[in-house]
Amino acid sequence: MDLRELQAILGHVSPATTARYAHLTEVTSTRARERQGQLLESFVLRWNDKS
């Protein structure tokens, strides 16, 4: 999404304020992906083949 569109939606006068929110979204997204990776690494899959 264009930063100016987001600025209009949020009603910010200053684009700097909107940029802060956009940065926080990117940081949060990156941290969430890292945490998901950590959680998935802790799982061990075991297959029981009874054939």
Protein backbone atom coordinates (compact mmCIF):
# COMPACT_ATOMS: atom_id res chain seq x y z
CA MET A 1 0.00 0.00 0.00
CA ASP A 2 1.20 3.47 -0.81
CA LEU A 3 2.37 5.40 2.27
CA ARG A 4 0.27 8.44 1.28
CA GLU A 5 -2.86 6.28 1.04
CA LEU A 6 -2.17 4.90 4.49
CA GLN A 7 -1.57 8.43 5.79
CA ALA A 8 -4.99 9.50 4.49
CA ILE A 9 -6.74 6.45 5.97
CA LEU A 10 -5.15 6.98 9.39
CA GLY A 11 -5.74 10.74 9.25
CA HIS A 12 -2.13 11.69 9.92
CA VAL A 13 -1.00 15.19 9.06
CA SER A 14 2.67 14.25 8.98
CA PRO A 15 4.00 11.47 6.76
CA ALA A 16 6.65 10.85 9.44
CA THR A 17 3.97 9.61 11.82
CA THR A 18 2.64 7.20 9.22
CA ALA A 19 6.17 6.02 8.44
CA ARG A 20 6.65 5.10 12.12
CA TYR A 21 3.57 2.90 12.00
CA ALA A 22 4.72 1.28 8.76
CA HIS A 23 8.13 0.55 10.30
CA LEU A 24 6.55 -1.03 13.36
CA THR A 25 4.49 -3.27 11.11
CA GLU A 26 7.62 -4.47 9.28
CA VAL A 27 9.47 -5.08 12.57
CA THR A 28 6.53 -6.96 14.04
CA SER A 29 6.17 -9.05 10.90
CA THR A 30 9.87 -9.95 10.89
CA ARG A 31 9.81 -10.91 14.55
CA ALA A 32 6.70 -13.03 14.04
CA ARG A 33 8.38 -14.96 11.19
CA GLU A 34 11.49 -15.51 13.32
CA ARG A 35 9.41 -16.80 16.23
CA GLN A 36 7.44 -19.14 13.96
CA GLY A 37 10.72 -20.58 12.71
CA GLN A 38 11.91 -21.14 16.27
CA LEU A 39 8.68 -22.89 17.20
CA LEU A 40 8.77 -25.15 14.15
CA GLU A 41 12.38 -26.14 14.84
CA SER A 42 11.32 -27.50 18.24
CA PHE A 43 8.97 -30.07 16.67
CA VAL A 44 10.14 -33.55 15.80
CA LEU A 45 8.13 -35.58 13.33
CA ARG A 46 8.02 -39.34 13.77
CA TRP A 47 6.51 -41.73 11.30
CA ASN A 48 5.23 -45.11 12.41
CA ASP A 49 4.93 -47.38 9.42
CA LYS A 50 3.03 -50.48 10.52
CA SER A 51 2.99 -52.14 7.08
